[in-house]
Amino acid sequence: MAGKKRRVRVAHELPKDRRLAIKKALQEHESEARPEWDRTSDWGEVRFMRKRIKKGEMRTIHMPLLDVDMGDSWPIPVTVLQGIRPGPVVTIIGGTHGDELTGPSACTNLLSAKFTGIDGALDPKTMAGTVRIVPVLNLPGYRSKSRYFPDGRDLNRAFPGLSKGSTTSRVAYTVRKNLINDSDVIIDLHSAATGRSNMPQIRGDLSHPESNLIAKAFGIEVILDSRPPKGSLRRIANEMDIAAVTYEGGGANRLDQNAVKVAVHGCLNVLRALKVIPKNPSRPRFRLNAGGSKWLRAGEGGLLDMFVGPGSVVMKGDVVATISDPGSPGLSVDIVAPEDGLMICTATNPFVTAGTPVGHFLPVTKHIDLLKTQIDDRNILMVNGSQEEAMWRDENEMVEIDVKGEWSGGSVDAEWNRINADETEQEEGES
């Protein structure tokens, strides 16, 4: 019947204490009055790095990552779109890790004439608020195809930073001062680290009310409820009560066009949900709020042959990979799915030793049939925004699934290869 709404089916499978913590935080949260967003209030130009951006204007300004008189200051382009009406400051960041290309590509797409031109979704003459887009945050890492800064440190473990600290710590300090402090919403776009690939997913602390809303507004199926790692951009933002989420999709040093497409779709969804740009956001048919996952690890060393990819829907007992060794002819070891569920990340490096992670597995025991209604001929989940047509749904028309568990075998944000980890942690302790 035309106009008839679907009813929601809700299944609560998050750990009880976490579910109650999220519920309590949302109940206690009171939206802060923001008179400056009142569309009857005064609204005019904005300044960034002492440069003026008039309302209805788009301008690209270079922000130096280091405050130096000699040597390379690593100026990065920051494009500011100033709307014609009051609204929030939304900062979209790519390339926090220099070898992750999903963010730079998605940001470049958002800045194309298709979106920023006349009557485009990001035409500043039809926008509210301020949108800042940073395609590449880690410029030296991007130039050298490296995850890290030249001092071997991870920028996403260096916040809040120190003005007189290490190179990476100084950059973190500059980013916090110029991009984080005055943001209302931050979307940090990432890919998986070297040797693996992620399906499109959102990570956020669902007990932080504003981040909870933004995570859902992104409009994709998989949300990982994870407390931000120490030193991460997301953590320092949440500590400042700024809504912040991390998008993950694709792998390092390669472009996954599907992941890029979903990232663009999600960013526009958030901006629509915030009424920064016109039209309604699209929402998925269902949403997986994941409170736990499992790392599948190699039990033996050798060559890894993966039979599934990121986003594969698998059944308990399915062989997801095989390990064989040229030095042991005729011998092989199967890695099987421990339960029904979803592979949210899989290895791309065929060389493994005992203990190497080969996949990140999300158990979905009660609702696997629902996932199967949205898979392609390779059993890959078709993520909202990856197809040509994304439909609008009201929030109460969705199926919301909470997946319980713990982060077994390592944090969801754990890296597979860490460089100078001890030095980074020592500096974090000092800051």
Protein backbone atom coordinates (compact mmCIF):
# COMPACT_ATOMS: atom_id res chain seq x y z
CA MET A 1 0.00 0.00 0.00
CA ALA A 2 1.40 3.39 -0.98
CA GLY A 3 2.66 5.42 1.93
CA LYS A 4 2.60 2.49 4.35
CA LYS A 5 5.69 2.33 6.57
CA ARG A 6 7.56 -0.82 7.47
CA ARG A 7 7.70 -1.73 11.11
CA VAL A 8 11.06 -2.08 12.75
CA ARG A 9 12.40 -5.32 14.13
CA VAL A 10 14.90 -4.69 16.90
CA ALA A 11 17.15 -7.33 18.42
CA HIS A 12 19.35 -6.36 21.35
CA GLU A 13 22.52 -8.44 21.42
CA LEU A 14 25.07 -5.92 22.69
CA PRO A 15 26.63 -6.77 26.05
CA LYS A 16 24.12 -5.74 28.70
CA ASP A 17 26.49 -3.37 30.52
CA ARG A 18 27.47 -1.64 27.29
CA ARG A 19 23.87 -1.42 26.12
CA LEU A 20 22.83 0.13 29.43
CA ALA A 21 25.77 2.55 29.33
CA ILE A 22 24.77 3.75 25.87
CA LYS A 23 21.11 4.04 26.88
CA LYS A 24 22.01 5.98 30.02
CA ALA A 25 24.29 8.35 28.12
CA LEU A 26 21.62 9.06 25.51
CA GLN A 27 18.93 9.60 28.16
CA GLU A 28 21.10 11.98 30.18
CA HIS A 29 22.24 13.90 27.15
CA GLU A 30 20.62 17.25 26.59
CA SER A 31 21.22 18.88 23.25
CA GLU A 32 23.12 22.08 23.80
CA ALA A 33 21.33 25.22 22.67
CA ARG A 34 23.23 26.65 19.70
CA PRO A 35 21.84 30.13 19.08
CA GLU A 36 24.55 30.74 16.50
CA TRP A 37 22.86 28.08 14.34
CA ASP A 38 19.55 29.93 14.43
CA ARG A 39 18.84 30.83 10.85
CA THR A 40 17.52 34.21 11.91
CA SER A 41 20.86 35.09 13.54
CA ASP A 42 23.64 37.05 11.92
CA TRP A 43 25.86 35.05 9.61
CA GLY A 44 28.75 36.27 7.56
CA GLU A 45 32.32 35.55 6.70
CA VAL A 46 34.64 33.14 8.48
CA ARG A 47 38.41 33.20 8.87
CA PHE A 48 40.79 30.28 8.57
CA MET A 49 44.55 30.72 8.98
CA ARG A 50 43.89 34.48 8.94
CA LYS A 51 42.32 34.21 5.48
CA ARG A 52 38.76 35.41 4.93
CA ILE A 53 36.04 33.27 3.35
CA LYS A 54 32.84 35.14 2.57
CA LYS A 55 29.43 33.51 2.87
CA GLY A 56 28.48 31.62 -0.25
CA GLU A 57 32.16 31.21 -1.15
CA MET A 58 34.59 28.30 -1.51
CA ARG A 59 38.28 28.90 -0.94
CA THR A 60 41.34 26.66 -0.63
CA ILE A 61 43.90 27.74 1.95
CA HIS A 62 47.24 26.08 2.71
CA MET A 63 47.85 25.21 6.35
CA PRO A 64 51.49 24.49 7.35
CA LEU A 65 51.80 21.43 9.56
CA LEU A 66 55.00 22.74 11.15
CA ASP A 67 55.73 26.23 12.42
CA VAL A 68 59.24 26.72 11.02
CA ASP A 69 61.31 29.43 9.35
CA MET A 70 63.65 26.93 7.71
CA GLY A 71 62.97 23.58 6.07
CA ASP A 72 59.67 22.18 4.82
CA SER A 73 56.59 23.27 6.75
CA TRP A 74 54.44 20.75 4.85
CA PRO A 75 51.58 23.07 3.84
CA ILE A 76 48.40 21.08 3.21
CA PRO A 77 45.37 22.33 1.26
CA VAL A 78 42.22 22.92 3.30
CA THR A 79 39.12 23.83 1.29
CA VAL A 80 36.55 25.86 3.22
CA LEU A 81 32.97 26.12 1.98
CA GLN A 82 31.08 28.86 3.78
CA GLY A 83 27.30 28.56 3.54
CA ILE A 84 24.85 31.42 3.31
CA ARG A 85 22.99 30.47 6.51
CA PRO A 86 24.12 29.63 10.06
CA GLY A 87 25.00 26.04 10.85
CA PRO A 88 27.62 23.68 12.27
CA VAL A 89 31.30 23.45 11.39
CA VAL A 90 31.89 20.05 9.78
CA THR A 91 35.46 18.93 9.10
CA ILE A 92 36.10 16.02 6.72
CA ILE A 93 39.63 14.61 6.82
CA GLY A 94 41.47 12.17 4.57
CA GLY A 95 45.01 10.87 4.55
CA THR A 96 45.70 10.81 8.29
CA HIS A 97 47.79 7.81 7.29
CA GLY A 98 49.71 8.67 4.13
CA ASP A 99 49.28 5.31 2.41
CA GLU A 100 45.49 5.22 2.80
CA LEU A 101 43.93 6.57 -0.39
CA THR A 102 40.19 6.17 0.22
CA GLY A 103 40.03 9.48 2.12
CA PRO A 104 42.04 11.56 -0.38
CA SER A 105 40.01 10.19 -3.28
CA ALA A 106 36.65 10.72 -1.53
CA CYS A 107 37.59 14.29 -0.57
CA THR A 108 38.75 15.00 -4.13
CA ASN A 109 35.41 13.71 -5.39
CA LEU A 110 33.51 15.92 -2.94
CA LEU A 111 35.48 18.95 -4.17
CA SER A 112 34.77 18.27 -7.85
CA ALA A 113 32.55 20.58 -9.87
CA LYS A 114 29.87 17.88 -9.79
CA PHE A 115 29.28 18.67 -6.12
CA THR A 116 30.61 22.21 -5.59
CA GLY A 117 29.39 23.75 -8.85
CA ILE A 118 26.14 25.62 -9.37
CA ASP A 119 23.23 23.58 -7.97
CA GLY A 120 25.62 20.88 -6.76
CA ALA A 121 25.10 19.25 -3.36
CA LEU A 122 27.99 21.30 -1.92
CA ASP A 123 27.29 24.57 -3.71
CA PRO A 124 28.12 27.05 -0.89
CA LYS A 125 25.39 29.36 -2.17
CA THR A 126 22.79 26.82 -1.05
CA MET A 127 24.54 25.54 2.08
CA ALA A 128 24.25 26.26 5.79
CA GLY A 129 27.20 26.30 8.16
CA THR A 130 30.84 25.69 7.30
CA VAL A 131 32.34 22.61 5.69
CA ARG A 132 36.12 22.10 5.70
CA ILE A 133 37.59 19.37 3.53
CA VAL A 134 41.17 18.18 4.02
CA PRO A 135 42.08 15.59 1.35
CA VAL A 136 45.57 14.77 2.71
CA LEU A 137 46.47 15.41 6.34
CA ASN A 138 49.73 13.44 6.38
CA LEU A 139 51.44 15.13 3.42
CA PRO A 140 54.96 13.69 3.88
CA GLY A 141 53.53 10.19 4.37
CA TYR A 142 51.39 10.59 1.26
CA ARG A 143 54.40 11.66 -0.79
CA SER A 144 56.44 8.68 0.39
CA LYS A 145 53.51 6.19 0.31
CA SER A 146 53.95 5.64 4.04
CA ARG A 147 51.46 5.29 6.87
CA TYR A 148 53.76 7.19 9.20
CA PHE A 149 55.45 10.56 9.48
CA PRO A 150 59.19 10.78 8.73
CA ASP A 151 60.03 10.22 12.41
CA GLY A 152 58.32 6.81 12.25
CA ARG A 153 55.34 7.79 14.39
CA ASP A 154 51.62 7.40 13.80
CA LEU A 155 49.76 10.72 13.76
CA ASN A 156 46.60 8.94 14.89
CA ARG A 157 48.30 7.97 18.14
CA ALA A 158 49.92 11.37 18.80
CA PHE A 159 46.99 13.58 19.86
CA PRO A 160 46.58 16.01 21.57
CA GLY A 161 50.18 16.74 20.61
CA LEU A 162 52.85 19.03 22.00
CA SER A 163 54.08 22.31 20.53
CA LYS A 164 57.67 21.37 21.46
CA GLY A 165 57.41 17.58 21.13
CA SER A 166 58.50 15.20 18.39
CA THR A 167 57.79 16.00 14.75
CA THR A 168 54.53 14.04 14.73
CA SER A 169 53.50 15.45 18.11
CA ARG A 170 53.99 19.00 16.79
CA VAL A 171 51.83 18.19 13.77
CA ALA A 172 49.12 16.77 16.05
CA TYR A 173 49.23 19.98 18.09
CA THR A 174 48.81 22.09 14.93
CA VAL A 175 45.93 19.94 13.68
CA ARG A 176 44.17 20.11 17.03
CA LYS A 177 44.57 23.88 17.25
CA ASN A 178 43.45 24.69 13.70
CA LEU A 179 41.08 21.91 12.67
CA ILE A 180 39.71 20.13 15.74
CA ASN A 181 39.15 22.82 18.38
CA ASP A 182 36.41 24.73 16.55
CA SER A 183 34.73 21.78 14.81
CA ASP A 184 31.26 20.59 15.73
CA VAL A 185 31.53 17.36 13.72
CA ILE A 186 34.57 15.47 12.41
CA ILE A 187 34.54 12.66 9.84
CA ASP A 188 37.92 10.92 9.60
CA LEU A 189 38.23 8.80 6.45
CA HIS A 190 40.55 5.77 6.55
CA SER A 191 41.53 2.53 4.83
CA ALA A 192 42.95 -0.64 6.31
CA ALA A 193 46.67 -0.85 7.02
CA THR A 194 49.11 -2.58 4.66
CA GLY A 195 48.33 -6.24 4.10
CA ARG A 196 44.57 -6.16 4.59
CA SER A 197 41.36 -4.64 3.25
CA ASN A 198 38.26 -3.39 5.09
CA MET A 199 34.65 -3.47 4.00
CA PRO A 200 32.92 -0.06 4.38
CA GLN A 201 32.21 0.49 8.08
CA ILE A 202 31.85 3.24 10.66
CA ARG A 203 33.61 3.27 14.02
CA GLY A 204 32.39 5.42 16.86
CA ASP A 205 31.81 5.49 20.59
CA LEU A 206 28.05 4.96 20.76
CA SER A 207 28.00 6.10 24.39
CA HIS A 208 29.00 9.57 23.17
CA PRO A 209 25.57 10.92 22.17
CA GLU A 210 26.59 13.24 19.35
CA SER A 211 28.95 10.67 17.83
CA ASN A 212 26.16 8.09 18.07
CA LEU A 213 23.92 10.31 15.96
CA ILE A 214 26.63 10.97 13.36
CA ALA A 215 27.55 7.28 13.12
CA LYS A 216 23.95 6.43 12.30
CA ALA A 217 23.53 9.44 10.02
CA PHE A 218 26.39 8.16 7.82
CA GLY A 219 23.83 5.69 6.55
CA ILE A 220 25.66 2.38 6.16
CA GLU A 221 25.04 -1.06 7.60
CA VAL A 222 28.04 -1.74 9.85
CA ILE A 223 28.79 0.40 12.91
CA LEU A 224 31.52 -0.77 15.28
CA ASP A 225 30.94 0.53 18.79
CA SER A 226 34.53 1.12 19.87
CA ARG A 227 36.05 3.42 22.44
CA PRO A 228 38.66 5.55 20.67
CA PRO A 229 42.28 4.41 21.06
CA LYS A 230 44.57 6.54 23.20
CA GLY A 231 46.16 9.32 21.18
CA SER A 232 43.69 9.10 18.31
CA LEU A 233 42.01 12.07 16.66
CA ARG A 234 38.63 10.57 17.50
CA ARG A 235 39.50 10.26 21.18
CA ILE A 236 40.71 13.82 21.65
CA ALA A 237 37.63 15.09 19.78
CA ASN A 238 35.26 13.10 22.01
CA GLU A 239 37.08 14.32 25.11
CA MET A 240 36.34 17.85 23.87
CA ASP A 241 32.69 16.77 23.36
CA ILE A 242 33.01 17.03 19.59
CA ALA A 243 31.13 14.46 17.52
CA ALA A 244 33.68 12.32 15.69
CA VAL A 245 33.51 9.09 13.72
CA THR A 246 36.01 7.08 11.69
CA TYR A 247 35.08 5.61 8.32
CA GLU A 248 37.05 2.58 7.14
CA GLY A 249 37.00 1.14 3.63
CA GLY A 250 39.49 -0.45 1.25
CA GLY A 251 43.20 -1.05 1.77
CA ALA A 252 46.53 0.77 1.80
CA ASN A 253 48.29 1.97 -1.36
CA ARG A 254 45.38 1.14 -3.63
CA LEU A 255 42.07 2.66 -4.64
CA ASP A 256 38.88 0.77 -3.91
CA GLN A 257 36.27 2.64 -5.92
CA ASN A 258 33.43 0.99 -4.03
CA ALA A 259 34.85 2.19 -0.69
CA VAL A 260 35.33 5.69 -2.13
CA LYS A 261 31.76 5.78 -3.42
CA VAL A 262 30.36 4.77 -0.02
CA ALA A 263 32.55 7.38 1.72
CA VAL A 264 31.22 10.17 -0.51
CA HIS A 265 27.66 8.93 0.00
CA GLY A 266 28.13 8.81 3.78
CA CYS A 267 29.62 12.29 4.06
CA LEU A 268 26.73 13.75 2.08
CA ASN A 269 24.31 11.79 4.28
CA VAL A 270 25.77 13.38 7.42
CA LEU A 271 25.58 16.86 5.90
CA ARG A 272 21.95 16.26 4.93
CA ALA A 273 21.10 14.95 8.39
CA LEU A 274 22.61 18.13 9.88
CA LYS A 275 20.61 20.28 7.42
CA VAL A 276 23.86 21.69 6.05
CA ILE A 277 22.79 20.76 2.52
CA PRO A 278 19.31 20.15 1.07
CA LYS A 279 17.47 16.82 0.72
CA ASN A 280 16.96 13.92 3.11
CA PRO A 281 19.70 11.40 3.96
CA SER A 282 19.33 7.83 2.75
CA ARG A 283 19.38 5.00 5.26
CA PRO A 284 20.10 1.28 4.94
CA ARG A 285 17.49 -1.46 5.28
CA PHE A 286 19.20 -2.62 8.45
CA ARG A 287 21.99 -1.56 10.73
CA LEU A 288 24.49 -3.75 12.61
CA ASN A 289 25.62 -2.11 15.85
CA ALA A 290 28.60 -4.30 16.66
CA GLY A 291 29.80 -4.58 20.22
CA GLY A 292 32.29 -7.35 19.53
CA SER A 293 34.25 -9.19 16.88
CA LYS A 294 36.90 -11.87 16.47
CA TRP A 295 40.28 -11.86 14.78
CA LEU A 296 40.89 -15.05 12.82
CA ARG A 297 44.60 -15.91 13.00
CA ALA A 298 46.87 -18.30 11.17
CA GLY A 299 47.73 -21.40 13.19
CA GLU A 300 50.66 -22.25 10.91
CA GLY A 301 53.03 -20.38 8.63
CA GLY A 302 53.18 -20.46 4.85
CA LEU A 303 51.24 -19.07 1.90
CA LEU A 304 47.70 -17.84 2.51
CA ASP A 305 44.99 -18.47 -0.06
CA MET A 306 41.89 -16.39 0.83
CA PHE A 307 38.55 -17.63 -0.50
CA VAL A 308 36.50 -14.70 0.80
CA GLY A 309 36.89 -10.94 0.76
CA PRO A 310 35.87 -8.00 2.92
CA GLY A 311 32.09 -7.94 3.22
CA SER A 312 31.65 -11.69 2.63
CA VAL A 313 28.70 -13.29 4.42
CA VAL A 314 29.85 -16.71 5.67
CA MET A 315 28.27 -19.64 7.49
CA LYS A 316 29.68 -21.61 10.40
CA GLY A 317 32.21 -24.14 9.12
CA ASP A 318 32.82 -22.41 5.78
CA VAL A 319 36.47 -22.55 4.73
CA VAL A 320 37.53 -18.90 4.45
CA ALA A 321 41.21 -19.54 3.71
CA THR A 322 43.86 -22.23 3.33
CA ILE A 323 47.51 -22.14 4.37
CA SER A 324 50.09 -24.26 2.56
CA ASP A 325 53.88 -24.33 2.62
CA PRO A 326 56.13 -25.00 -0.40
CA GLY A 327 58.51 -26.70 2.02
CA SER A 328 55.83 -29.17 3.14
CA PRO A 329 54.31 -30.66 -0.03
CA GLY A 330 50.85 -32.14 0.37
CA LEU A 331 50.14 -30.42 3.67
CA SER A 332 47.63 -27.61 4.14
CA VAL A 333 45.57 -26.10 6.94
CA ASP A 334 42.04 -24.72 6.59
CA ILE A 335 40.79 -21.65 8.42
CA VAL A 336 37.04 -21.90 8.98
CA ALA A 337 34.33 -19.49 10.06
CA PRO A 338 33.64 -20.08 13.78
CA GLU A 339 30.01 -18.95 13.46
CA ASP A 340 27.61 -17.43 10.96
CA GLY A 341 28.69 -13.89 10.29
CA LEU A 342 30.38 -11.20 8.26
CA MET A 343 34.02 -10.77 7.26
CA ILE A 344 34.59 -7.07 7.88
CA CYS A 345 38.29 -7.28 7.02
CA THR A 346 40.48 -9.80 5.21
CA ALA A 347 44.21 -10.20 4.62
CA THR A 348 45.71 -9.36 1.23
CA ASN A 349 49.30 -10.39 2.00
CA PRO A 350 49.78 -14.11 1.19
CA PHE A 351 52.84 -14.50 3.43
CA VAL A 352 51.83 -15.51 6.96
CA THR A 353 53.41 -16.88 10.10
CA ALA A 354 51.67 -18.50 13.06
CA GLY A 355 49.57 -15.84 14.76
CA THR A 356 49.20 -13.55 11.74
CA PRO A 357 45.65 -12.12 11.49
CA VAL A 358 43.95 -13.30 8.31
CA GLY A 359 40.50 -11.83 8.90
CA HIS A 360 38.32 -9.73 11.15
CA PHE A 361 35.07 -11.60 11.76
CA LEU A 362 31.77 -10.18 12.98
CA PRO A 363 29.46 -12.91 14.35
CA VAL A 364 25.83 -12.40 13.32
CA THR A 365 23.99 -15.41 14.68
CA LYS A 366 20.34 -14.37 14.85
CA HIS A 367 20.00 -12.30 11.70
CA ILE A 368 22.16 -13.97 9.08
CA ASP A 369 19.13 -14.52 6.82
CA LEU A 370 18.54 -10.77 6.76
CA LEU A 371 22.11 -10.20 5.56
CA LYS A 372 21.64 -12.81 2.85
CA THR A 373 18.85 -10.76 1.31
CA GLN A 374 21.42 -8.08 0.43
CA ILE A 375 24.37 -9.99 -1.05
CA ASP A 376 25.69 -10.17 -4.60
CA ASP A 377 26.62 -13.30 -6.56
CA ARG A 378 29.93 -13.49 -4.65
CA ASN A 379 28.16 -13.45 -1.26
CA ILE A 380 29.45 -9.91 -0.62
CA LEU A 381 27.16 -7.59 1.35
CA MET A 382 26.02 -4.72 -0.88
CA VAL A 383 26.57 -1.65 1.29
CA ASN A 384 24.14 1.25 1.17
CA GLY A 385 25.59 3.89 -1.14
CA SER A 386 27.57 1.44 -3.26
CA GLN A 387 24.70 0.99 -5.70
CA GLU A 388 23.36 3.57 -8.10
CA GLU A 389 20.10 4.18 -6.27
CA ALA A 390 20.02 4.89 -2.54
CA MET A 391 16.57 5.38 -1.12
CA TRP A 392 15.45 7.53 1.78
CA ARG A 393 13.96 5.77 4.79
CA ASP A 394 12.65 7.12 8.02
CA GLU A 395 14.65 6.08 11.08
CA ASN A 396 11.76 3.97 12.38
CA GLU A 397 11.55 2.02 9.11
CA MET A 398 14.88 0.29 9.66
CA VAL A 399 15.82 -3.04 11.17
CA GLU A 400 18.37 -2.36 13.91
CA ILE A 401 20.55 -5.27 15.04
CA ASP A 402 22.88 -5.07 18.04
CA VAL A 403 25.64 -7.68 17.87
CA LYS A 404 27.01 -8.64 21.26
CA GLY A 405 30.47 -9.79 22.23
CA GLU A 406 33.91 -8.48 23.05
CA TRP A 407 36.82 -7.45 20.87
CA SER A 408 38.38 -10.92 20.91
CA GLY A 409 41.99 -11.35 19.83
CA GLY A 410 42.74 -7.64 19.70
CA SER A 411 41.05 -4.26 19.59
CA VAL A 412 39.03 -3.35 16.53
CA ASP A 413 41.45 -0.46 16.07
CA ALA A 414 44.58 -2.57 16.61
CA GLU A 415 47.25 -2.29 13.94
CA TRP A 416 48.80 -5.37 12.41
CA ASN A 417 52.20 -3.76 11.98
CA ARG A 418 53.35 -1.10 14.39
CA ILE A 419 56.50 0.95 14.06
CA ASN A 420 58.14 2.60 17.05
CA ALA A 421 55.10 1.71 19.16
CA ASP A 422 57.04 1.95 22.41
CA GLU A 423 58.32 5.43 21.54
CA THR A 424 54.83 6.60 20.62
CA GLU A 425 53.32 5.27 23.85
CA GLN A 426 56.14 6.81 25.89
CA GLU A 427 55.52 10.19 24.33
CA GLU A 428 51.77 9.86 24.93
CA GLY A 429 52.49 9.25 28.60
CA GLU A 430 54.64 12.36 28.75
CA SER A 431 51.94 14.49 27.12
